PDB file of all heavy atoms in Angstrom:
ATOM      1  N   LYS A   1      87.852  86.720  92.016  1.00  0.00           N
ATOM      2  CA  LYS A   1      87.447  85.399  92.501  1.00  0.00           C
ATOM      3  C   LYS A   1      87.487  85.330  94.023  1.00  0.00           C
ATOM      4  O   LYS A   1      86.560  84.825  94.664  1.00  0.00           O
ATOM      5  CB  LYS A   1      88.366  84.338  91.909  1.00  0.00           C
ATOM      6  CG  LYS A   1      87.930  82.912  92.252  1.00  0.00           C
ATOM      7  CD  LYS A   1      88.809  81.917  91.535  1.00  0.00           C
ATOM      8  CE  LYS A   1      88.371  80.488  91.884  1.00  0.00           C
ATOM      9  NZ  LYS A   1      89.205  79.475  91.216  1.00  0.00           N
ATOM     10  N   ALA A   2      88.563  85.852  94.608  1.00  0.00           N
ATOM     11  CA  ALA A   2      88.687  85.782  96.058  1.00  0.00           C
ATOM     12  C   ALA A   2      87.628  86.618  96.753  1.00  0.00           C
ATOM     13  O   ALA A   2      87.072  86.222  97.773  1.00  0.00           O
ATOM     14  CB  ALA A   2      90.087  86.261  96.475  1.00  0.00           C
ATOM     15  N   THR A   3      87.343  87.796  96.194  1.00  0.00           N
ATOM     16  CA  THR A   3      86.318  88.645  96.795  1.00  0.00           C
ATOM     17  C   THR A   3      84.957  87.968  96.737  1.00  0.00           C
ATOM     18  O   THR A   3      84.179  88.012  97.683  1.00  0.00           O
ATOM     19  CB  THR A   3      86.262  90.002  96.069  1.00  0.00           C
ATOM     20  OG1 THR A   3      87.546  90.602  96.122  1.00  0.00           O
ATOM     21  CG2 THR A   3      85.241  90.913  96.736  1.00  0.00           C
ATOM     22  N   GLU A   4      84.693  87.312  95.610  1.00  0.00           N
ATOM     23  CA  GLU A   4      83.411  86.614  95.470  1.00  0.00           C
ATOM     24  C   GLU A   4      83.303  85.497  96.506  1.00  0.00           C
ATOM     25  O   GLU A   4      82.268  85.304  97.135  1.00  0.00           O
ATOM     26  CB  GLU A   4      83.284  86.038  94.061  1.00  0.00           C
ATOM     27  CG  GLU A   4      81.957  85.344  93.816  1.00  0.00           C
ATOM     28  CD  GLU A   4      81.870  84.759  92.411  1.00  0.00           C
ATOM     29  OE1 GLU A   4      82.801  84.982  91.619  1.00  0.00           O
ATOM     30  OE2 GLU A   4      80.876  84.089  92.125  1.00  0.00           O
ATOM     31  N   ILE A   5      84.405  84.751  96.709  1.00  0.00           N
ATOM     32  CA  ILE A   5      84.396  83.678  97.699  1.00  0.00           C
ATOM     33  C   ILE A   5      84.175  84.255  99.090  1.00  0.00           C
ATOM     34  O   ILE A   5      83.383  83.738  99.881  1.00  0.00           O
ATOM     35  CB  ILE A   5      85.718  82.891  97.654  1.00  0.00           C
ATOM     36  CG1 ILE A   5      85.831  82.135  96.333  1.00  0.00           C
ATOM     37  CG2 ILE A   5      85.826  81.933  98.830  1.00  0.00           C
ATOM     38  CD1 ILE A   5      87.177  81.481  96.120  1.00  0.00           C
ATOM     39  N   ALA A   6      84.860  85.353  99.374  1.00  0.00           N
ATOM     40  CA  ALA A   6      84.736  85.958 100.694  1.00  0.00           C
ATOM     41  C   ALA A   6      83.332  86.456 100.958  1.00  0.00           C
ATOM     42  O   ALA A   6      82.791  86.311 102.046  1.00  0.00           O
ATOM     43  CB  ALA A   6      85.740  87.117 100.834  1.00  0.00           C
ATOM     44  N   ILE A   7      82.716  87.051  99.937  1.00  0.00           N
ATOM     45  CA  ILE A   7      81.367  87.589 100.101  1.00  0.00           C
ATOM     46  C   ILE A   7      80.368  86.476 100.357  1.00  0.00           C
ATOM     47  O   ILE A   7      79.432  86.610 101.135  1.00  0.00           O
ATOM     48  CB  ILE A   7      80.967  88.410  98.870  1.00  0.00           C
ATOM     49  CG1 ILE A   7      81.796  89.708  98.826  1.00  0.00           C
ATOM     50  CG2 ILE A   7      79.489  88.744  98.868  1.00  0.00           C
ATOM     51  CD1 ILE A   7      81.579  90.529  97.579  1.00  0.00           C
ATOM     52  N   ARG A   8      80.583  85.321  99.687  1.00  0.00           N
ATOM     53  CA  ARG A   8      79.638  84.216  99.838  1.00  0.00           C
ATOM     54  C   ARG A   8      79.871  83.421 101.107  1.00  0.00           C
ATOM     55  O   ARG A   8      79.014  82.644 101.515  1.00  0.00           O
ATOM     56  CB  ARG A   8      79.738  83.276  98.624  1.00  0.00           C
ATOM     57  CG  ARG A   8      79.218  83.908  97.347  1.00  0.00           C
ATOM     58  CD  ARG A   8      79.315  82.925  96.197  1.00  0.00           C
ATOM     59  NE  ARG A   8      78.809  83.512  94.962  1.00  0.00           N
ATOM     60  CZ  ARG A   8      78.816  82.878  93.801  1.00  0.00           C
ATOM     61  NH1 ARG A   8      79.287  81.654  93.708  1.00  0.00           N
ATOM     62  NH2 ARG A   8      78.350  83.474  92.721  1.00  0.00           N
ATOM     63  N   ASP A   9      81.037  83.569 101.704  1.00  0.00           N
ATOM     64  CA  ASP A   9      81.351  82.789 102.889  1.00  0.00           C
ATOM     65  C   ASP A   9      80.442  83.219 104.037  1.00  0.00           C
ATOM     66  O   ASP A   9      80.324  84.395 104.340  1.00  0.00           O
ATOM     67  CB  ASP A   9      82.825  83.016 103.271  1.00  0.00           C
ATOM     68  CG  ASP A   9      83.308  81.989 104.259  1.00  0.00           C
ATOM     69  OD1 ASP A   9      82.615  81.780 105.272  1.00  0.00           O
ATOM     70  OD2 ASP A   9      84.373  81.406 104.017  1.00  0.00           O
ATOM     71  N   SER A  10      79.820  82.255 104.712  1.00  0.00           N
ATOM     72  CA  SER A  10      78.866  82.572 105.774  1.00  0.00           C
ATOM     73  C   SER A  10      79.536  83.302 106.931  1.00  0.00           C
ATOM     74  O   SER A  10      78.902  84.106 107.616  1.00  0.00           O
ATOM     75  CB  SER A  10      78.209  81.291 106.285  1.00  0.00           C
ATOM     76  OG  SER A  10      79.191  80.404 106.795  1.00  0.00           O
ATOM     77  N   ARG A  11      80.823  83.038 107.157  1.00  0.00           N
ATOM     78  CA  ARG A  11      81.502  83.727 108.249  1.00  0.00           C
ATOM     79  C   ARG A  11      81.642  85.204 107.939  1.00  0.00           C
ATOM     80  O   ARG A  11      81.504  86.059 108.812  1.00  0.00           O
ATOM     81  CB  ARG A  11      82.874  83.101 108.490  1.00  0.00           C
ATOM     82  CG  ARG A  11      82.808  81.712 109.093  1.00  0.00           C
ATOM     83  CD  ARG A  11      84.079  80.963 108.861  1.00  0.00           C
ATOM     84  NE  ARG A  11      84.343  80.818 107.435  1.00  0.00           N
ATOM     85  CZ  ARG A  11      85.397  80.195 106.949  1.00  0.00           C
ATOM     86  NH1 ARG A  11      86.275  79.671 107.753  1.00  0.00           N
ATOM     87  NH2 ARG A  11      85.570  80.085 105.658  1.00  0.00           N
ATOM     88  N   PHE A  12      81.923  85.551 106.669  1.00  0.00           N
ATOM     89  CA  PHE A  12      81.977  86.950 106.295  1.00  0.00           C
ATOM     90  C   PHE A  12      80.585  87.567 106.360  1.00  0.00           C
ATOM     91  O   PHE A  12      80.437  88.739 106.688  1.00  0.00           O
ATOM     92  CB  PHE A  12      82.572  87.107 104.893  1.00  0.00           C
ATOM     93  CG  PHE A  12      84.068  86.940 104.856  1.00  0.00           C
ATOM     94  CD1 PHE A  12      84.647  85.714 104.632  1.00  0.00           C
ATOM     95  CD2 PHE A  12      84.894  88.027 105.072  1.00  0.00           C
ATOM     96  CE1 PHE A  12      86.025  85.560 104.601  1.00  0.00           C
ATOM     97  CE2 PHE A  12      86.279  87.886 105.050  1.00  0.00           C
ATOM     98  CZ  PHE A  12      86.846  86.653 104.815  1.00  0.00           C
ATOM     99  N   ASP A  13      79.564  86.775 106.046  1.00  0.00           N
ATOM    100  CA  ASP A  13      78.195  87.270 106.169  1.00  0.00           C
ATOM    101  C   ASP A  13      77.904  87.660 107.606  1.00  0.00           C
ATOM    102  O   ASP A  13      77.245  88.675 107.866  1.00  0.00           O
ATOM    103  CB  ASP A  13      77.197  86.196 105.715  1.00  0.00           C
ATOM    104  CG  ASP A  13      77.150  86.073 104.196  1.00  0.00           C
ATOM    105  OD1 ASP A  13      77.644  86.995 103.517  1.00  0.00           O
ATOM    106  OD2 ASP A  13      76.634  85.064 103.693  1.00  0.00           O
ATOM    107  N   ALA A  14      78.361  86.851 108.549  1.00  0.00           N
ATOM    108  CA  ALA A  14      78.132  87.166 109.957  1.00  0.00           C
ATOM    109  C   ALA A  14      78.829  88.467 110.345  1.00  0.00           C
ATOM    110  O   ALA A  14      78.268  89.294 111.077  1.00  0.00           O
ATOM    111  CB  ALA A  14      78.634  86.016 110.833  1.00  0.00           C
ATOM    112  N   VAL A  15      80.056  88.674 109.833  1.00  0.00           N
ATOM    113  CA  VAL A  15      80.774  89.923 110.114  1.00  0.00           C
ATOM    114  C   VAL A  15      80.041  91.105 109.499  1.00  0.00           C
ATOM    115  O   VAL A  15      79.851  92.152 110.149  1.00  0.00           O
ATOM    116  CB  VAL A  15      82.216  89.835 109.579  1.00  0.00           C
ATOM    117  CG1 VAL A  15      82.911  91.180 109.698  1.00  0.00           C
ATOM    118  CG2 VAL A  15      82.997  88.766 110.334  1.00  0.00           C
ATOM    119  N   ARG A  16      79.619  90.963 108.238  1.00  0.00           N
ATOM    120  CA  ARG A  16      78.905  92.057 107.570  1.00  0.00           C
ATOM    121  C   ARG A  16      77.619  92.397 108.313  1.00  0.00           C
ATOM    122  O   ARG A  16      77.262  93.559 108.470  1.00  0.00           O
ATOM    123  CB  ARG A  16      78.579  91.651 106.127  1.00  0.00           C
ATOM    124  CG  ARG A  16      79.805  91.589 105.220  1.00  0.00           C
ATOM    125  CD  ARG A  16      79.499  90.854 103.935  1.00  0.00           C
ATOM    126  NE  ARG A  16      78.427  91.491 103.197  1.00  0.00           N
ATOM    127  CZ  ARG A  16      77.629  90.854 102.359  1.00  0.00           C
ATOM    128  NH1 ARG A  16      77.759  89.560 102.180  1.00  0.00           N
ATOM    129  NH2 ARG A  16      76.694  91.506 101.708  1.00  0.00           N
ATOM    130  N   ARG A  17      76.929  91.353 108.791  1.00  0.00           N
ATOM    131  CA  ARG A  17      75.682  91.600 109.514  1.00  0.00           C
ATOM    132  C   ARG A  17      75.938  92.374 110.805  1.00  0.00           C
ATOM    133  O   ARG A  17      75.203  93.311 111.141  1.00  0.00           O
ATOM    134  CB  ARG A  17      75.011  90.256 109.843  1.00  0.00           C
ATOM    135  CG  ARG A  17      73.607  90.404 110.406  1.00  0.00           C
ATOM    136  CD  ARG A  17      72.943  89.027 110.546  1.00  0.00           C
ATOM    137  NE  ARG A  17      71.554  89.156 110.921  1.00  0.00           N
ATOM    138  CZ  ARG A  17      71.133  89.295 112.176  1.00  0.00           C
ATOM    139  NH1 ARG A  17      72.019  89.301 113.155  1.00  0.00           N
ATOM    140  NH2 ARG A  17      69.846  89.416 112.448  1.00  0.00           N
ATOM    141  N   ARG A  18      76.986  91.996 111.537  1.00  0.00           N
ATOM    142  CA  ARG A  18      77.310  92.715 112.780  1.00  0.00           C
ATOM    143  C   ARG A  18      77.682  94.168 112.502  1.00  0.00           C
ATOM    144  O   ARG A  18      77.286  95.079 113.249  1.00  0.00           O
ATOM    145  CB  ARG A  18      78.456  92.008 113.503  1.00  0.00           C
ATOM    146  CG  ARG A  18      78.060  90.678 114.120  1.00  0.00           C
ATOM    147  CD  ARG A  18      79.194  90.057 114.897  1.00  0.00           C
ATOM    148  NE  ARG A  18      79.621  90.880 116.019  1.00  0.00           N
ATOM    149  CZ  ARG A  18      80.529  90.507 116.913  1.00  0.00           C
ATOM    150  NH1 ARG A  18      81.104  89.317 116.799  1.00  0.00           N
ATOM    151  NH2 ARG A  18      80.869  91.295 117.896  1.00  0.00           N
ATOM    152  N   LEU A  19      78.423  94.402 111.428  1.00  0.00           N
ATOM    153  CA  LEU A  19      78.806  95.780 111.096  1.00  0.00           C
ATOM    154  C   LEU A  19      77.591  96.614 110.704  1.00  0.00           C
ATOM    155  O   LEU A  19      77.457  97.771 111.115  1.00  0.00           O
ATOM    156  CB  LEU A  19      79.833  95.767 109.959  1.00  0.00           C
ATOM    157  CG  LEU A  19      81.194  95.129 110.288  1.00  0.00           C
ATOM    158  CD1 LEU A  19      82.082  95.104 109.055  1.00  0.00           C
ATOM    159  CD2 LEU A  19      81.884  95.886 111.418  1.00  0.00           C
ATOM    160  N   LEU A  20      76.711  96.033 109.903  1.00  0.00           N
ATOM    161  CA  LEU A  20      75.500  96.753 109.495  1.00  0.00           C
ATOM    162  C   LEU A  20      74.608  97.047 110.696  1.00  0.00           C
ATOM    163  O   LEU A  20      74.020  98.137 110.795  1.00  0.00           O
ATOM    164  CB  LEU A  20      74.734  95.951 108.444  1.00  0.00           C
ATOM    165  CG  LEU A  20      75.394  95.863 107.062  1.00  0.00           C
ATOM    166  CD1 LEU A  20      74.683  94.833 106.193  1.00  0.00           C
ATOM    167  CD2 LEU A  20      75.383  97.229 106.367  1.00  0.00           C
ATOM    168  N   LEU A  21      74.484  96.085 111.616  1.00  0.00           N
ATOM    169  CA  LEU A  21      73.687  96.327 112.821  1.00  0.00           C
ATOM    170  C   LEU A  21      74.314  97.412 113.687  1.00  0.00           C
ATOM    171  O   LEU A  21      73.594  98.198 114.316  1.00  0.00           O
ATOM    172  CB  LEU A  21      73.557  95.023 113.617  1.00  0.00           C
ATOM    173  CG  LEU A  21      72.638  93.953 113.015  1.00  0.00           C
ATOM    174  CD1 LEU A  21      72.724  92.663 113.816  1.00  0.00           C
ATOM    175  CD2 LEU A  21      71.195  94.449 112.953  1.00  0.00           C
ATOM    176  N   ALA A  22      75.660  97.451 113.725  1.00  0.00           N
ATOM    177  CA  ALA A  22      76.334  98.522 114.471  1.00  0.00           C
ATOM    178  C   ALA A  22      76.037  99.886 113.849  1.00  0.00           C
ATOM    179  O   ALA A  22      75.776 100.870 114.561  1.00  0.00           O
ATOM    180  CB  ALA A  22      77.840  98.259 114.498  1.00  0.00           C
ATOM    181  N   GLU A  23      76.050  99.949 112.507  1.00  0.00           N
ATOM    182  CA  GLU A  23      75.713 101.203 111.825  1.00  0.00           C
ATOM    183  C   GLU A  23      74.265 101.606 112.128  1.00  0.00           C
ATOM    184  O   GLU A  23      73.982 102.786 112.413  1.00  0.00           O
ATOM    185  CB  GLU A  23      75.884 101.043 110.313  1.00  0.00           C
ATOM    186  CG  GLU A  23      77.326 100.880 109.858  1.00  0.00           C
ATOM    187  CD  GLU A  23      77.427 100.776 108.347  1.00  0.00           C
ATOM    188  OE1 GLU A  23      76.590 101.386 107.661  1.00  0.00           O
ATOM    189  OE2 GLU A  23      78.336 100.087 107.851  1.00  0.00           O
ATOM    190  N   LYS A  24      73.362 100.634 112.063  1.00  0.00           N
ATOM    191  CA  LYS A  24      71.953 100.926 112.317  1.00  0.00           C
ATOM    192  C   LYS A  24      71.734 101.397 113.748  1.00  0.00           C
ATOM    193  O   LYS A  24      70.962 102.340 114.000  1.00  0.00           O
ATOM    194  CB  LYS A  24      71.122  99.667 112.039  1.00  0.00           C
ATOM    195  CG  LYS A  24      69.622  99.891 112.123  1.00  0.00           C
ATOM    196  CD  LYS A  24      68.863  98.649 111.696  1.00  0.00           C
ATOM    197  CE  LYS A  24      67.352  98.909 111.764  1.00  0.00           C
ATOM    198  NZ  LYS A  24      66.580  97.737 111.310  1.00  0.00           N
ATOM    199  N   ASN A  25      72.418 100.769 114.698  1.00  0.00           N
ATOM    200  CA  ASN A  25      72.291 101.165 116.099  1.00  0.00           C
ATOM    201  C   ASN A  25      72.800 102.593 116.316  1.00  0.00           C
ATOM    202  O   ASN A  25      72.197 103.378 117.067  1.00  0.00           O
ATOM    203  CB  ASN A  25      73.063 100.184 116.982  1.00  0.00           C
ATOM    204  CG  ASN A  25      72.918 100.508 118.449  1.00  0.00           C
ATOM    205  OD1 ASN A  25      71.815 100.485 119.002  1.00  0.00           O
ATOM    206  ND2 ASN A  25      74.024 100.806 119.106  1.00  0.00           N
ATOM    207  N   ALA A  26      73.908 102.945 115.640  1.00  0.00           N
ATOM    208  CA  ALA A  26      74.455 104.294 115.771  1.00  0.00           C
ATOM    209  C   ALA A  26      73.476 105.339 115.219  1.00  0.00           C
ATOM    210  O   ALA A  26      73.284 106.411 115.822  1.00  0.00           O
ATOM    211  CB  ALA A  26      75.790 104.388 115.047  1.00  0.00           C
ATOM    212  N   LEU A  27      72.859 105.038 114.081  1.00  0.00           N
ATOM    213  CA  LEU A  27      71.893 105.981 113.503  1.00  0.00           C
ATOM    214  C   LEU A  27      70.664 106.130 114.391  1.00  0.00           C
ATOM    215  O   LEU A  27      70.165 107.253 114.602  1.00  0.00           O
ATOM    216  CB  LEU A  27      71.484 105.510 112.105  1.00  0.00           C
ATOM    217  CG  LEU A  27      72.525 105.696 110.996  1.00  0.00           C
ATOM    218  CD1 LEU A  27      72.054 105.023 109.713  1.00  0.00           C
ATOM    219  CD2 LEU A  27      72.787 107.175 110.750  1.00  0.00           C
ATOM    220  N   ASN A  28      70.144 105.018 114.897  1.00  0.00           N
ATOM    221  CA  ASN A  28      68.978 105.101 115.782  1.00  0.00           C
ATOM    222  C   ASN A  28      69.291 105.872 117.055  1.00  0.00           C
ATOM    223  O   ASN A  28      68.463 106.636 117.561  1.00  0.00           O
ATOM    224  CB  ASN A  28      68.494 103.689 116.134  1.00  0.00           C
ATOM    225  CG  ASN A  28      67.690 103.053 115.016  1.00  0.00           C
ATOM    226  OD1 ASN A  28      66.923 103.732 114.339  1.00  0.00           O
ATOM    227  ND2 ASN A  28      67.871 101.765 114.818  1.00  0.00           N
ATOM    228  N   ASP A  29      70.502 105.669 117.576  1.00  0.00           N
ATOM    229  CA  ASP A  29      70.911 106.391 118.777  1.00  0.00           C
ATOM    230  C   ASP A  29      71.010 107.886 118.503  1.00  0.00           C
ATOM    231  O   ASP A  29      70.575 108.712 119.321  1.00  0.00           O
ATOM    232  CB  ASP A  29      72.261 105.843 119.261  1.00  0.00           C
ATOM    233  CG  ASP A  29      72.635 106.383 120.627  1.00  0.00           C
ATOM    234  OD1 ASP A  29      71.805 106.267 121.548  1.00  0.00           O
ATOM    235  OD2 ASP A  29      73.757 106.910 120.767  1.00  0.00           O
ATOM    236  N   ALA A  30      71.574 108.245 117.346  1.00  0.00           N
ATOM    237  CA  ALA A  30      71.663 109.663 116.978  1.00  0.00           C
ATOM    238  C   ALA A  30      70.281 110.275 116.774  1.00  0.00           C
ATOM    239  O   ALA A  30      70.049 111.447 117.106  1.00  0.00           O
ATOM    240  CB  ALA A  30      72.490 109.816 115.702  1.00  0.00           C
ATOM    241  N   LEU A  31      69.347 109.486 116.252  1.00  0.00           N
ATOM    242  CA  LEU A  31      67.986 109.981 116.058  1.00  0.00           C
ATOM    243  C   LEU A  31      67.289 110.204 117.395  1.00  0.00           C
ATOM    244  O   LEU A  31      66.598 111.216 117.591  1.00  0.00           O
ATOM    245  CB  LEU A  31      67.198 108.979 115.213  1.00  0.00           C
ATOM    246  CG  LEU A  31      65.778 109.379 114.816  1.00  0.00           C
ATOM    247  CD1 LEU A  31      65.781 110.639 113.963  1.00  0.00           C
ATOM    248  CD2 LEU A  31      65.104 108.237 114.059  1.00  0.00           C
ATOM    249  N   ARG A  32      67.467 109.275 118.340  1.00  0.00           N
ATOM    250  CA  ARG A  32      66.854 109.430 119.661  1.00  0.00           C
ATOM    251  C   ARG A  32      67.390 110.648 120.402  1.00  0.00           C
ATOM    252  O   ARG A  32      66.659 111.337 121.114  1.00  0.00           O
ATOM    253  CB  ARG A  32      67.096 108.170 120.501  1.00  0.00           C
ATOM    254  CG  ARG A  32      66.204 106.988 120.145  1.00  0.00           C
ATOM    255  CD  ARG A  32      66.280 105.917 121.217  1.00  0.00           C
ATOM    256  NE  ARG A  32      67.637 105.415 121.354  1.00  0.00           N
ATOM    257  CZ  ARG A  32      68.117 104.382 120.688  1.00  0.00           C
ATOM    258  NH1 ARG A  32      67.357 103.762 119.809  1.00  0.00           N
ATOM    259  NH2 ARG A  32      69.356 103.980 120.863  1.00  0.00           N
ATOM    260  N   LYS A  33      68.707 110.901 120.226  1.00  0.00           N
ATOM    261  CA  LYS A  33      69.336 112.035 120.916  1.00  0.00           C
ATOM    262  C   LYS A  33      69.171 113.350 120.164  1.00  0.00           C
ATOM    263  O   LYS A  33      69.714 114.375 120.580  1.00  0.00           O
ATOM    264  CB  LYS A  33      70.835 111.744 121.108  1.00  0.00           C
ATOM    265  CG  LYS A  33      71.101 110.581 122.057  1.00  0.00           C
ATOM    266  CD  LYS A  33      72.590 110.301 122.160  1.00  0.00           C
ATOM    267  CE  LYS A  33      72.859 109.147 123.116  1.00  0.00           C
ATOM    268  NZ  LYS A  33      74.311 108.815 123.209  1.00  0.00           N
ATOM    269  N   ARG A  34      68.439 113.294 119.034  1.00  0.00           N
ATOM    270  CA  ARG A  34      68.185 114.489 118.215  1.00  0.00           C
ATOM    271  C   ARG A  34      69.468 115.095 117.653  1.00  0.00           C
ATOM    272  O   ARG A  34      69.552 116.299 117.389  1.00  0.00           O
ATOM    273  CB  ARG A  34      67.443 115.563 119.031  1.00  0.00           C
ATOM    274  CG  ARG A  34      66.087 115.104 119.544  1.00  0.00           C
ATOM    275  CD  ARG A  34      65.083 115.019 118.435  1.00  0.00           C
ATOM    276  NE  ARG A  34      63.749 114.736 118.926  1.00  0.00           N
ATOM    277  CZ  ARG A  34      63.177 113.555 118.928  1.00  0.00           C
ATOM    278  NH1 ARG A  34      63.840 112.518 118.434  1.00  0.00           N
ATOM    279  NH2 ARG A  34      61.967 113.379 119.400  1.00  0.00           N
ATOM    280  N   ILE A  35      70.489 114.240 117.466  1.00  0.00           N
ATOM    281  CA  ILE A  35      71.730 114.713 116.846  1.00  0.00           C
ATOM    282  C   ILE A  35      71.542 114.837 115.344  1.00  0.00           C
ATOM    283  O   ILE A  35      72.029 115.769 114.709  1.00  0.00           O
ATOM    284  CB  ILE A  35      72.889 113.749 117.175  1.00  0.00           C
ATOM    285  CG1 ILE A  35      73.134 113.728 118.689  1.00  0.00           C
ATOM    286  CG2 ILE A  35      74.153 114.150 116.437  1.00  0.00           C
ATOM    287  CD1 ILE A  35      74.152 112.701 119.126  1.00  0.00           C
ATOM    288  N   LEU A  36      70.833 113.862 114.746  1.00  0.00           N
ATOM    289  CA  LEU A  36      70.529 113.878 113.320  1.00  0.00           C
ATOM    290  C   LEU A  36      69.019 113.976 113.124  1.00  0.00           C
ATOM    291  O   LEU A  36      68.242 113.522 113.965  1.00  0.00           O
ATOM    292  CB  LEU A  36      71.056 112.608 112.645  1.00  0.00           C
ATOM    293  CG  LEU A  36      72.573 112.379 112.690  1.00  0.00           C
ATOM    294  CD1 LEU A  36      72.921 111.029 112.077  1.00  0.00           C
ATOM    295  CD2 LEU A  36      73.313 113.495 111.956  1.00  0.00           C
ATOM    296  N   SER A  37      68.633 114.558 112.004  1.00  0.00           N
ATOM    297  CA  SER A  37      67.200 114.705 111.716  1.00  0.00           C
ATOM    298  C   SER A  37      66.651 113.428 111.096  1.00  0.00           C
ATOM    299  O   SER A  37      67.386 112.628 110.518  1.00  0.00           O
ATOM    300  CB  SER A  37      66.971 115.870 110.762  1.00  0.00           C
ATOM    301  OG  SER A  37      67.573 115.608 109.505  1.00  0.00           O
ATOM    302  N   GLU A  38      65.339 113.246 111.202  1.00  0.00           N
ATOM    303  CA  GLU A  38      64.692 112.061 110.659  1.00  0.00           C
ATOM    304  C   GLU A  38      64.805 112.014 109.148  1.00  0.00           C
ATOM    305  O   GLU A  38      64.912 110.931 108.565  1.00  0.00           O
ATOM    306  CB  GLU A  38      63.220 112.044 111.084  1.00  0.00           C
ATOM    307  CG  GLU A  38      62.527 110.738 110.763  1.00  0.00           C
ATOM    308  CD  GLU A  38      61.202 110.612 111.484  1.00  0.00           C
ATOM    309  OE1 GLU A  38      61.000 111.323 112.480  1.00  0.00           O
ATOM    310  OE2 GLU A  38      60.383 109.797 111.031  1.00  0.00           O
ATOM    311  N   GLU A  39      64.797 113.179 108.482  1.00  0.00           N
ATOM    312  CA  GLU A  39      64.904 113.214 107.023  1.00  0.00           C
ATOM    313  C   GLU A  39      66.230 112.638 106.538  1.00  0.00           C
ATOM    314  O   GLU A  39      66.309 112.038 105.469  1.00  0.00           O
ATOM    315  CB  GLU A  39      64.769 114.652 106.507  1.00  0.00           C
ATOM    316  CG  GLU A  39      63.370 115.237 106.653  1.00  0.00           C
ATOM    317  CD  GLU A  39      63.084 115.695 108.066  1.00  0.00           C
ATOM    318  OE1 GLU A  39      64.036 115.750 108.883  1.00  0.00           O
ATOM    319  OE2 GLU A  39      61.913 115.987 108.361  1.00  0.00           O
ATOM    320  N   VAL A  40      67.271 112.801 107.338  1.00  0.00           N
ATOM    321  CA  VAL A  40      68.586 112.274 106.967  1.00  0.00           C
ATOM    322  C   VAL A  40      68.711 110.797 107.352  1.00  0.00           C
ATOM    323  O   VAL A  40      69.268 109.990 106.599  1.00  0.00           O
ATOM    324  CB  VAL A  40      69.701 113.105 107.644  1.00  0.00           C
ATOM    325  CG1 VAL A  40      71.067 112.461 107.419  1.00  0.00           C
ATOM    326  CG2 VAL A  40      69.693 114.530 107.115  1.00  0.00           C
TER     327      VAL A  40
END
């Protein structure tokens, strides 16, 4: 129940969105620097 409430809470949504954007930025940066391949 608590996890469901937390997931639906808009404040947790904002945190999740920031974390996902941080992950996406890290992957794009690694792709630009040719650290990781596009297939991955």
